[in-house]
């Protein structure tokens, strides 16, 4: 006699209905979707951290102790720097002890909280989930630097026109900034919908 399966809609934590399928073999659409979201976050984090660390290693080997290298009429400049502060050098003037507690310890706690949030709130709208995963990837990339380089972060990218230029930054900073921009864009969706795979 064929096995029967029951399918019903249950409310999700964010108010969207989720299709839950309880089968005799233990499979469910919800479990598959949660696994896919977890793999998506892992892929974004591994890619982001990997690119960040690889480019920093190249910068340390090729740019340290050399003058800046310019491209496209100095629109892009490669310039090695070790940043003991936060994004674009913010907090450089703080004492070493305060920098350690704010930029290493507090940041590590925030990143752990963000990782837990992504695991618990895996049913977030896809764009928001990707955005927060990018922020996590960038944060982890710079955190690795702080742990390995005694609180410093390797920066090597600089953009600008003439005297109007950005500070020196890295791939991790791009991931964080991109994630924030995506999160901002996601907030303008008037009626955000969950993924099709989580709707009846």
N, C-alpha and C. Protein backbone atom coordinates (compact mmCIF):
# COMPACT_ATOMS: atom_id res chain seq x y z
N UNK A 1 0.85 -1.20 0.00
CA UNK A 1 0.00 0.00 0.00
C UNK A 1 0.88 1.25 0.00
N UNK A 2 0.68 2.21 -0.89
CA UNK A 2 1.57 3.38 -0.97
C UNK A 2 1.51 4.23 0.29
N UNK A 3 2.65 4.78 0.62
CA UNK A 3 2.72 5.63 1.81
C UNK A 3 2.00 6.95 1.56
N UNK A 4 1.38 7.48 2.57
CA UNK A 4 0.67 8.75 2.47
C UNK A 4 1.54 9.86 3.04
N UNK A 5 1.41 11.00 2.45
CA UNK A 5 2.13 12.17 2.97
C UNK A 5 1.12 13.27 3.20
N UNK A 6 1.37 14.07 4.21
CA UNK A 6 0.47 15.18 4.53
C UNK A 6 1.20 16.48 4.30
N UNK A 7 0.51 17.42 3.67
CA UNK A 7 1.09 18.73 3.38
C UNK A 7 0.17 19.79 3.95
N UNK A 8 0.75 20.71 4.67
CA UNK A 8 -0.06 21.78 5.25
C UNK A 8 0.77 23.05 5.29
N UNK A 9 0.07 24.18 5.38
CA UNK A 9 0.74 25.47 5.47
C UNK A 9 0.81 25.88 6.92
N UNK A 10 1.97 26.29 7.37
CA UNK A 10 2.15 26.73 8.74
C UNK A 10 2.71 28.13 8.71
N UNK A 11 2.40 28.96 9.70
CA UNK A 11 2.91 30.33 9.69
C UNK A 11 4.40 30.36 9.98
N UNK A 12 5.12 31.21 9.26
CA UNK A 12 6.55 31.38 9.49
C UNK A 12 6.77 32.49 10.50
N UNK A 13 8.02 32.63 10.95
CA UNK A 13 8.33 33.64 11.94
C UNK A 13 8.12 35.05 11.43
N UNK A 14 8.26 35.26 10.12
CA UNK A 14 8.12 36.60 9.57
C UNK A 14 6.73 36.86 9.01
N UNK A 15 5.77 35.97 9.30
CA UNK A 15 4.40 36.20 8.88
C UNK A 15 4.03 35.56 7.58
N UNK A 16 4.97 35.00 6.82
CA UNK A 16 4.68 34.38 5.56
C UNK A 16 4.37 32.90 5.77
N UNK A 17 3.39 32.36 5.04
CA UNK A 17 3.10 30.93 5.18
C UNK A 17 4.20 30.10 4.56
N UNK A 18 4.50 28.98 5.16
CA UNK A 18 5.52 28.08 4.68
C UNK A 18 4.91 26.71 4.49
N UNK A 19 5.19 26.08 3.38
CA UNK A 19 4.68 24.75 3.12
C UNK A 19 5.55 23.72 3.83
N UNK A 20 4.94 22.98 4.72
CA UNK A 20 5.65 21.93 5.44
C UNK A 20 5.10 20.60 5.02
N UNK A 21 5.93 19.70 4.59
CA UNK A 21 5.52 18.39 4.12
C UNK A 21 6.08 17.34 5.04
N UNK A 22 5.22 16.61 5.70
CA UNK A 22 5.65 15.55 6.60
C UNK A 22 5.46 14.23 5.91
N UNK A 23 6.56 13.61 5.48
CA UNK A 23 6.50 12.36 4.77
C UNK A 23 7.04 11.24 5.63
N UNK A 24 6.69 10.01 5.23
CA UNK A 24 7.12 8.86 6.00
C UNK A 24 8.63 8.72 6.00
N UNK A 25 9.30 9.18 4.93
CA UNK A 25 10.75 9.05 4.86
C UNK A 25 11.47 10.25 5.50
N UNK A 26 10.72 11.21 6.06
CA UNK A 26 11.31 12.32 6.79
C UNK A 26 11.66 13.52 5.95
N UNK A 27 11.42 13.51 4.62
CA UNK A 27 11.76 14.64 3.77
C UNK A 27 10.74 15.75 3.93
N UNK A 28 11.15 16.98 3.65
CA UNK A 28 10.22 18.11 3.71
C UNK A 28 10.74 19.24 2.86
N UNK A 29 9.82 20.02 2.29
CA UNK A 29 10.20 21.18 1.50
C UNK A 29 10.91 22.21 2.36
N UNK A 30 10.46 22.36 3.63
CA UNK A 30 11.07 23.33 4.52
C UNK A 30 12.52 22.99 4.78
N UNK A 31 12.81 21.73 5.04
CA UNK A 31 14.19 21.32 5.31
C UNK A 31 15.08 21.57 4.10
N UNK A 32 14.56 21.28 2.91
CA UNK A 32 15.33 21.50 1.70
C UNK A 32 15.64 22.98 1.53
N UNK A 33 14.64 23.84 1.75
CA UNK A 33 14.83 25.27 1.59
C UNK A 33 15.83 25.80 2.62
N UNK A 34 15.75 25.35 3.84
CA UNK A 34 16.66 25.79 4.88
C UNK A 34 18.09 25.38 4.54
N UNK A 35 18.24 24.18 4.01
CA UNK A 35 19.56 23.71 3.62
C UNK A 35 20.11 24.56 2.48
N UNK A 36 19.24 24.91 1.53
CA UNK A 36 19.68 25.73 0.40
C UNK A 36 20.12 27.11 0.87
N UNK A 37 19.39 27.70 1.81
CA UNK A 37 19.77 29.01 2.34
C UNK A 37 21.11 28.92 3.07
N UNK A 38 21.29 27.86 3.84
CA UNK A 38 22.55 27.68 4.57
C UNK A 38 23.72 27.58 3.59
N UNK A 39 23.53 26.80 2.52
CA UNK A 39 24.58 26.65 1.52
C UNK A 39 24.86 27.97 0.80
N UNK A 40 23.81 28.76 0.56
CA UNK A 40 23.98 30.07 -0.07
C UNK A 40 24.85 30.97 0.80
N UNK A 41 24.55 31.01 2.09
CA UNK A 41 25.33 31.84 3.01
C UNK A 41 26.78 31.37 3.08
N UNK A 42 26.97 30.06 3.15
CA UNK A 42 28.34 29.51 3.21
C UNK A 42 29.11 29.86 1.93
N UNK A 43 28.44 29.76 0.78
CA UNK A 43 29.09 30.08 -0.49
C UNK A 43 29.51 31.54 -0.54
N UNK A 44 28.62 32.44 -0.10
CA UNK A 44 28.94 33.87 -0.10
C UNK A 44 30.10 34.16 0.85
N UNK A 45 30.07 33.57 2.03
CA UNK A 45 31.12 33.83 3.02
C UNK A 45 32.47 33.28 2.54
N UNK A 46 32.48 32.04 2.04
CA UNK A 46 33.74 31.45 1.59
C UNK A 46 34.31 32.24 0.41
N UNK A 47 33.45 32.61 -0.54
CA UNK A 47 33.91 33.38 -1.69
C UNK A 47 34.44 34.75 -1.27
N UNK A 48 33.67 35.44 -0.42
CA UNK A 48 34.09 36.77 0.02
C UNK A 48 35.38 36.76 0.82
N UNK A 49 35.46 35.87 1.80
CA UNK A 49 36.66 35.79 2.63
C UNK A 49 37.85 35.31 1.80
N UNK A 50 37.62 34.35 0.90
CA UNK A 50 38.70 33.84 0.08
C UNK A 50 39.28 34.91 -0.84
N UNK A 51 38.42 35.66 -1.52
CA UNK A 51 38.89 36.74 -2.40
C UNK A 51 39.60 37.82 -1.60
N UNK A 52 39.04 38.16 -0.44
CA UNK A 52 39.64 39.20 0.39
C UNK A 52 41.03 38.81 0.85
N UNK A 53 41.17 37.61 1.39
CA UNK A 53 42.47 37.18 1.90
C UNK A 53 43.50 36.98 0.79
N UNK A 54 43.05 36.48 -0.36
CA UNK A 54 43.97 36.27 -1.48
C UNK A 54 44.51 37.60 -1.99
N UNK A 55 43.63 38.59 -2.16
CA UNK A 55 44.08 39.89 -2.66
C UNK A 55 44.96 40.61 -1.64
N UNK A 56 44.69 40.43 -0.37
CA UNK A 56 45.54 41.04 0.65
C UNK A 56 46.93 40.42 0.66
N UNK A 57 46.98 39.13 0.45
CA UNK A 57 48.29 38.47 0.40
C UNK A 57 49.09 38.94 -0.80
N UNK A 58 48.42 39.08 -1.95
CA UNK A 58 49.10 39.60 -3.14
C UNK A 58 49.57 41.04 -2.90
N UNK A 59 48.72 41.84 -2.27
CA UNK A 59 49.09 43.23 -1.99
C UNK A 59 50.31 43.30 -1.07
N UNK A 60 50.33 42.46 -0.05
CA UNK A 60 51.47 42.45 0.87
C UNK A 60 52.75 42.05 0.17
N UNK A 61 52.66 41.12 -0.78
CA UNK A 61 53.85 40.64 -1.49
C UNK A 61 54.32 41.62 -2.57
N UNK A 62 53.37 42.26 -3.26
CA UNK A 62 53.72 43.06 -4.43
C UNK A 62 53.74 44.57 -4.19
N UNK A 63 53.01 45.05 -3.20
CA UNK A 63 52.85 46.50 -3.03
C UNK A 63 53.56 47.06 -1.81
N UNK A 64 53.86 46.23 -0.85
CA UNK A 64 54.49 46.73 0.37
C UNK A 64 55.87 47.33 0.06
N UNK A 65 56.08 48.54 0.52
CA UNK A 65 57.36 49.19 0.31
C UNK A 65 57.56 49.78 -1.08
N UNK A 66 56.51 49.81 -1.89
CA UNK A 66 56.61 50.37 -3.24
C UNK A 66 55.72 51.60 -3.35
N UNK A 67 56.00 52.50 -4.29
CA UNK A 67 55.11 53.67 -4.48
C UNK A 67 53.77 53.23 -5.06
N UNK A 68 52.74 54.06 -4.91
CA UNK A 68 51.41 53.71 -5.45
C UNK A 68 51.46 53.47 -6.96
N UNK A 69 50.61 52.56 -7.42
CA UNK A 69 50.49 52.24 -8.84
C UNK A 69 49.14 52.75 -9.32
N UNK A 70 49.13 53.54 -10.38
CA UNK A 70 47.89 54.17 -10.86
C UNK A 70 47.42 53.55 -12.16
N UNK A 71 46.10 53.52 -12.34
CA UNK A 71 45.47 53.02 -13.55
C UNK A 71 44.38 54.01 -13.98
N UNK A 72 44.10 54.04 -15.28
CA UNK A 72 43.01 54.84 -15.83
C UNK A 72 43.11 56.29 -15.39
N UNK A 73 44.29 56.89 -15.67
CA UNK A 73 44.52 58.31 -15.34
C UNK A 73 44.33 58.57 -13.84
N UNK A 74 44.79 57.62 -13.04
CA UNK A 74 44.78 57.73 -11.58
C UNK A 74 43.38 57.61 -10.97
N UNK A 75 42.44 57.09 -11.78
CA UNK A 75 41.12 56.83 -11.22
C UNK A 75 41.20 55.71 -10.19
N UNK A 76 42.01 54.71 -10.48
CA UNK A 76 42.24 53.59 -9.56
C UNK A 76 43.70 53.61 -9.15
N UNK A 77 43.93 53.50 -7.86
CA UNK A 77 45.29 53.52 -7.35
C UNK A 77 45.49 52.35 -6.39
N UNK A 78 46.56 51.60 -6.61
CA UNK A 78 46.93 50.51 -5.70
C UNK A 78 48.00 51.02 -4.76
N UNK A 79 47.68 51.01 -3.48
CA UNK A 79 48.58 51.60 -2.48
C UNK A 79 48.49 50.79 -1.19
N UNK A 80 49.59 50.20 -0.78
CA UNK A 80 49.58 49.34 0.41
C UNK A 80 49.51 50.18 1.68
N UNK A 81 48.66 49.73 2.60
CA UNK A 81 48.55 50.39 3.90
C UNK A 81 48.07 49.38 4.93
N UNK A 82 48.50 49.57 6.15
CA UNK A 82 48.02 48.75 7.27
C UNK A 82 47.20 49.65 8.18
N UNK A 83 45.92 49.34 8.26
CA UNK A 83 44.96 50.18 8.96
C UNK A 83 44.64 49.59 10.32
N UNK A 84 44.93 50.35 11.37
CA UNK A 84 44.62 49.89 12.72
C UNK A 84 43.24 50.33 13.19
N UNK A 85 42.57 51.14 12.36
CA UNK A 85 41.25 51.61 12.72
C UNK A 85 40.16 50.80 12.05
N UNK A 86 38.99 51.41 11.93
CA UNK A 86 37.85 50.75 11.28
C UNK A 86 37.84 51.15 9.81
N UNK A 87 36.66 51.17 9.20
CA UNK A 87 36.51 51.47 7.78
C UNK A 87 37.12 52.82 7.43
N UNK A 88 38.00 52.83 6.42
CA UNK A 88 38.67 54.04 5.95
C UNK A 88 39.47 54.75 7.05
N UNK A 89 39.97 53.95 8.01
CA UNK A 89 40.84 54.50 9.03
C UNK A 89 40.14 55.11 10.22
N UNK A 90 38.82 54.99 10.31
CA UNK A 90 38.10 55.55 11.46
C UNK A 90 38.56 54.86 12.75
N UNK A 91 38.85 55.66 13.77
CA UNK A 91 39.27 55.10 15.05
C UNK A 91 40.77 54.91 15.19
N UNK A 92 41.55 55.38 14.22
CA UNK A 92 43.01 55.23 14.32
C UNK A 92 43.60 55.94 15.53
N UNK A 93 42.93 57.00 15.97
CA UNK A 93 43.47 57.79 17.08
C UNK A 93 43.13 57.21 18.44
N UNK A 94 42.33 56.14 18.48
CA UNK A 94 41.99 55.52 19.76
C UNK A 94 43.19 54.79 20.34
N UNK A 95 43.16 54.59 21.64
CA UNK A 95 44.25 53.86 22.30
C UNK A 95 44.22 52.40 21.87
N UNK A 96 45.36 51.70 21.91
CA UNK A 96 45.39 50.28 21.51
C UNK A 96 44.40 49.42 22.29
N UNK A 97 44.25 49.68 23.58
CA UNK A 97 43.33 48.89 24.39
C UNK A 97 41.88 49.09 23.94
N UNK A 98 41.51 50.35 23.70
CA UNK A 98 40.15 50.65 23.28
C UNK A 98 39.88 50.10 21.88
N UNK A 99 40.87 50.21 20.99
CA UNK A 99 40.71 49.62 19.66
C UNK A 99 40.50 48.12 19.73
N UNK A 100 41.23 47.47 20.63
CA UNK A 100 41.09 46.02 20.77
C UNK A 100 39.68 45.65 21.19
N UNK A 101 39.14 46.33 22.20
CA UNK A 101 37.81 45.98 22.70
C UNK A 101 36.71 46.37 21.71
N UNK A 102 36.88 47.48 21.02
CA UNK A 102 35.84 47.92 20.10
C UNK A 102 35.92 47.22 18.74
N UNK A 103 37.12 47.11 18.19
CA UNK A 103 37.27 46.63 16.82
C UNK A 103 37.53 45.13 16.72
N UNK A 104 37.95 44.51 17.81
CA UNK A 104 38.18 43.06 17.78
C UNK A 104 37.13 42.32 18.58
N UNK A 105 37.04 42.62 19.86
CA UNK A 105 36.11 41.87 20.71
C UNK A 105 34.65 42.18 20.35
N UNK A 106 34.29 43.47 20.35
CA UNK A 106 32.91 43.85 20.05
C UNK A 106 32.50 43.42 18.65
N UNK A 107 33.42 43.58 17.69
CA UNK A 107 33.10 43.18 16.32
C UNK A 107 32.91 41.68 16.21
N UNK A 108 33.72 40.91 16.92
CA UNK A 108 33.56 39.45 16.91
C UNK A 108 32.20 39.04 17.46
N UNK A 109 31.76 39.72 18.52
CA UNK A 109 30.44 39.42 19.10
C UNK A 109 29.34 39.76 18.10
N UNK A 110 29.47 40.91 17.43
CA UNK A 110 28.47 41.30 16.44
C UNK A 110 28.41 40.31 15.27
N UNK A 111 29.57 39.85 14.82
CA UNK A 111 29.60 38.89 13.71
C UNK A 111 28.98 37.56 14.12
N UNK A 112 29.25 37.14 15.35
CA UNK A 112 28.63 35.92 15.85
C UNK A 112 27.12 36.08 15.91
N UNK A 113 26.66 37.24 16.40
CA UNK A 113 25.23 37.50 16.45
C UNK A 113 24.60 37.52 15.07
N UNK A 114 25.31 38.08 14.09
CA UNK A 114 24.80 38.13 12.72
C UNK A 114 24.70 36.72 12.14
N UNK A 115 25.69 35.89 12.40
CA UNK A 115 25.66 34.51 11.90
C UNK A 115 24.48 33.75 12.50
N UNK A 116 24.26 33.92 13.80
CA UNK A 116 23.13 33.25 14.46
C UNK A 116 21.81 33.77 13.90
N UNK A 117 21.74 35.09 13.66
CA UNK A 117 20.52 35.67 13.10
C UNK A 117 20.20 35.07 11.73
N UNK A 118 21.22 34.90 10.89
CA UNK A 118 20.99 34.33 9.57
C UNK A 118 20.52 32.88 9.65
N UNK A 119 21.01 32.16 10.64
CA UNK A 119 20.59 30.76 10.81
C UNK A 119 19.14 30.69 11.30
N UNK A 120 18.81 31.54 12.27
CA UNK A 120 17.46 31.51 12.85
C UNK A 120 16.44 32.12 11.89
N UNK A 121 16.79 33.23 11.28
CA UNK A 121 15.86 33.93 10.38
C UNK A 121 16.17 33.59 8.92
N UNK A 122 16.31 32.33 8.62
CA UNK A 122 16.69 31.92 7.27
C UNK A 122 15.59 32.21 6.25
N UNK A 123 14.36 32.50 6.70
CA UNK A 123 13.26 32.79 5.79
C UNK A 123 13.17 34.27 5.41
N UNK A 124 14.21 35.03 5.70
CA UNK A 124 14.24 36.43 5.26
C UNK A 124 14.08 36.50 3.74
N UNK A 125 13.57 37.63 3.23
CA UNK A 125 13.57 37.82 1.77
C UNK A 125 14.97 37.59 1.21
N UNK A 126 15.03 37.03 0.02
CA UNK A 126 16.30 36.58 -0.54
C UNK A 126 17.34 37.70 -0.61
N UNK A 127 16.91 38.89 -1.05
CA UNK A 127 17.86 39.99 -1.19
C UNK A 127 18.44 40.40 0.16
N UNK A 128 17.60 40.45 1.18
CA UNK A 128 18.08 40.79 2.52
C UNK A 128 19.03 39.72 3.05
N UNK A 129 18.72 38.46 2.78
CA UNK A 129 19.57 37.37 3.23
C UNK A 129 20.95 37.46 2.56
N UNK A 130 20.97 37.72 1.26
CA UNK A 130 22.24 37.85 0.54
C UNK A 130 23.02 39.06 1.06
N UNK A 131 22.32 40.17 1.30
CA UNK A 131 22.98 41.37 1.78
C UNK A 131 23.67 41.13 3.13
N UNK A 132 22.97 40.52 4.06
CA UNK A 132 23.55 40.26 5.37
C UNK A 132 24.68 39.24 5.30
N UNK A 133 24.59 38.31 4.37
CA UNK A 133 25.68 37.35 4.18
C UNK A 133 26.93 38.05 3.67
N UNK A 134 26.76 39.04 2.81
CA UNK A 134 27.89 39.83 2.32
C UNK A 134 28.54 40.61 3.46
N UNK A 135 27.72 41.20 4.32
CA UNK A 135 28.26 41.92 5.48
C UNK A 135 29.04 40.97 6.37
N UNK A 136 28.50 39.77 6.58
CA UNK A 136 29.20 38.78 7.40
C UNK A 136 30.53 38.40 6.77
N UNK A 137 30.55 38.18 5.46
CA UNK A 137 31.79 37.81 4.77
C UNK A 137 32.84 38.90 4.91
N UNK A 138 32.44 40.16 4.68
CA UNK A 138 33.39 41.25 4.82
C UNK A 138 33.90 41.41 6.24
N UNK A 139 33.00 41.28 7.20
CA UNK A 139 33.41 41.39 8.59
C UNK A 139 34.39 40.31 8.99
N UNK A 140 34.15 39.08 8.52
CA UNK A 140 35.07 37.98 8.84
C UNK A 140 36.42 38.18 8.18
N UNK A 141 36.42 38.71 6.94
CA UNK A 141 37.68 38.96 6.25
C UNK A 141 38.57 39.92 7.02
N UNK A 142 38.00 41.02 7.49
CA UNK A 142 38.79 41.98 8.26
C UNK A 142 39.12 41.46 9.65
N UNK A 143 38.23 40.64 10.23
CA UNK A 143 38.51 40.07 11.55
C UNK A 143 39.72 39.14 11.50
N UNK A 144 39.84 38.36 10.42
CA UNK A 144 41.01 37.49 10.27
C UNK A 144 42.28 38.33 10.27
N UNK A 145 42.26 39.46 9.56
CA UNK A 145 43.42 40.35 9.55
C UNK A 145 43.78 40.82 10.95
N UNK A 146 42.80 41.25 11.70
CA UNK A 146 43.07 41.79 13.04
C UNK A 146 43.69 40.73 13.95
N UNK A 147 43.25 39.49 13.79
CA UNK A 147 43.79 38.42 14.62
C UNK A 147 45.19 38.02 14.19
N UNK A 148 45.46 38.09 12.89
CA UNK A 148 46.75 37.65 12.36
C UNK A 148 47.80 38.76 12.42
N UNK A 149 47.37 40.00 12.20
CA UNK A 149 48.31 41.12 12.08
C UNK A 149 48.27 42.06 13.28
N UNK A 150 48.02 41.52 14.44
CA UNK A 150 48.09 42.29 15.68
C UNK A 150 47.19 43.52 15.65
N UNK A 151 45.96 43.34 15.20
CA UNK A 151 44.97 44.41 15.23
C UNK A 151 44.91 45.26 13.99
N UNK A 152 45.78 45.01 13.02
CA UNK A 152 45.80 45.81 11.79
C UNK A 152 45.08 45.09 10.65
N UNK A 153 44.59 45.89 9.70
CA UNK A 153 43.92 45.36 8.51
C UNK A 153 44.66 45.87 7.29
N UNK A 154 44.91 44.98 6.33
CA UNK A 154 45.60 45.36 5.10
C UNK A 154 44.62 46.01 4.14
N UNK A 155 44.94 47.23 3.70
CA UNK A 155 44.17 47.94 2.68
C UNK A 155 45.09 48.21 1.49
N UNK A 156 44.47 48.32 0.30
CA UNK A 156 45.33 48.53 -0.88
C UNK A 156 44.61 49.20 -2.05
N UNK A 157 43.34 49.53 -1.94
CA UNK A 157 42.58 50.12 -3.03
C UNK A 157 42.24 51.58 -2.72
N UNK A 158 42.35 52.42 -3.75
CA UNK A 158 42.02 53.83 -3.59
C UNK A 158 41.42 54.33 -4.90
N UNK A 159 40.31 55.04 -4.80
CA UNK A 159 39.62 55.58 -5.97
C UNK A 159 39.51 57.09 -5.85
N UNK A 160 39.46 57.77 -7.00
CA UNK A 160 39.27 59.21 -6.94
C UNK A 160 39.56 59.91 -8.24
N UNK A 161 39.22 61.19 -8.25
CA UNK A 161 39.49 62.07 -9.37
C UNK A 161 40.27 63.27 -8.85
N UNK A 162 41.51 63.40 -9.31
CA UNK A 162 42.32 64.51 -8.86
C UNK A 162 42.56 64.44 -7.36
N UNK A 163 42.28 65.54 -6.67
CA UNK A 163 42.48 65.59 -5.22
C UNK A 163 41.30 65.00 -4.45
N UNK A 164 40.20 64.71 -5.14
CA UNK A 164 39.03 64.13 -4.48
C UNK A 164 39.16 62.61 -4.52
N UNK A 165 39.50 62.01 -3.39
CA UNK A 165 39.77 60.58 -3.36
C UNK A 165 39.14 59.94 -2.13
N UNK A 166 38.89 58.64 -2.25
CA UNK A 166 38.42 57.87 -1.11
C UNK A 166 39.61 57.57 -0.20
N UNK A 167 39.31 56.99 0.95
CA UNK A 167 40.37 56.43 1.75
C UNK A 167 40.84 55.12 1.12
N UNK A 168 41.82 54.49 1.71
CA UNK A 168 42.32 53.21 1.20
C UNK A 168 41.49 52.09 1.82
N UNK A 169 41.03 51.16 0.98
CA UNK A 169 40.13 50.11 1.46
C UNK A 169 40.52 48.78 0.84
N UNK A 170 39.70 47.75 1.08
CA UNK A 170 40.00 46.40 0.59
C UNK A 170 38.73 45.70 0.13
N UNK A 171 38.86 44.45 -0.28
CA UNK A 171 37.72 43.69 -0.79
C UNK A 171 36.67 43.46 0.30
N UNK A 172 37.11 43.24 1.53
CA UNK A 172 36.16 43.06 2.64
C UNK A 172 35.30 44.30 2.82
N UNK A 173 35.91 45.47 2.70
CA UNK A 173 35.14 46.71 2.81
C UNK A 173 34.11 46.82 1.69
N UNK A 174 34.48 46.37 0.49
CA UNK A 174 33.54 46.38 -0.62
C UNK A 174 32.36 45.46 -0.33
N UNK A 175 32.63 44.28 0.24
CA UNK A 175 31.56 43.34 0.57
C UNK A 175 30.62 43.93 1.61
N UNK A 176 31.18 44.58 2.62
CA UNK A 176 30.35 45.19 3.67
C UNK A 176 29.50 46.32 3.08
N UNK A 177 30.15 47.20 2.32
CA UNK A 177 29.42 48.32 1.73
C UNK A 177 28.35 47.85 0.76
N UNK A 178 28.70 46.86 -0.08
CA UNK A 178 27.72 46.30 -1.01
C UNK A 178 26.55 45.67 -0.29
N UNK A 179 26.83 44.97 0.82
CA UNK A 179 25.75 44.38 1.60
C UNK A 179 24.82 45.42 2.19
N UNK A 180 25.40 46.51 2.69
CA UNK A 180 24.58 47.60 3.26
C UNK A 180 23.72 48.23 2.18
N UNK A 181 24.29 48.44 1.00
CA UNK A 181 23.53 49.03 -0.11
C UNK A 181 22.39 48.10 -0.53
N UNK A 182 22.66 46.80 -0.63
CA UNK A 182 21.60 45.85 -0.97
C UNK A 182 20.50 45.83 0.09
N UNK A 183 20.91 45.89 1.35
CA UNK A 183 19.92 45.91 2.43
C UNK A 183 19.06 47.17 2.36
N UNK A 184 19.69 48.28 2.04
CA UNK A 184 18.95 49.54 1.87
C UNK A 184 17.98 49.43 0.70
N UNK A 185 18.42 48.84 -0.40
CA UNK A 185 17.55 48.68 -1.56
C UNK A 185 16.38 47.76 -1.24
N UNK A 186 16.65 46.71 -0.46
CA UNK A 186 15.59 45.76 -0.11
C UNK A 186 14.52 46.43 0.76
N UNK A 187 14.91 47.44 1.54
CA UNK A 187 13.96 48.10 2.42
C UNK A 187 12.93 48.92 1.65
N UNK A 188 13.20 49.22 0.37
CA UNK A 188 12.28 50.01 -0.43
C UNK A 188 11.23 49.16 -1.13
N UNK A 189 11.30 47.88 -0.99
CA UNK A 189 10.28 47.02 -1.58
C UNK A 189 8.99 47.18 -0.79
N UNK A 190 7.96 47.63 -1.45
CA UNK A 190 6.70 47.94 -0.75
C UNK A 190 6.06 46.70 -0.16
N UNK A 191 6.11 45.60 -0.90
CA UNK A 191 5.46 44.37 -0.43
C UNK A 191 6.38 43.19 -0.67
N UNK A 192 7.44 43.05 0.18
CA UNK A 192 8.40 41.98 -0.04
C UNK A 192 7.75 40.62 0.06
N UNK A 193 8.13 39.76 -0.87
CA UNK A 193 7.58 38.42 -0.91
C UNK A 193 8.66 37.41 -0.58
N UNK A 194 8.30 36.34 0.10
CA UNK A 194 9.28 35.29 0.37
C UNK A 194 9.60 34.54 -0.90
N UNK A 195 10.62 33.71 -0.86
CA UNK A 195 10.98 32.91 -2.02
C UNK A 195 9.84 31.98 -2.42
N UNK A 196 9.73 31.70 -3.72
CA UNK A 196 8.68 30.83 -4.20
C UNK A 196 8.74 29.46 -3.57
N UNK A 197 9.96 29.05 -3.23
CA UNK A 197 10.12 27.71 -2.65
C UNK A 197 9.57 27.61 -1.25
N UNK A 198 9.25 28.77 -0.58
CA UNK A 198 8.71 28.72 0.77
C UNK A 198 7.26 29.12 0.83
N UNK A 199 6.60 29.26 -0.34
CA UNK A 199 5.19 29.62 -0.36
C UNK A 199 4.36 28.44 -0.80
N UNK A 200 3.07 28.41 -0.42
CA UNK A 200 2.22 27.28 -0.83
C UNK A 200 2.08 27.24 -2.33
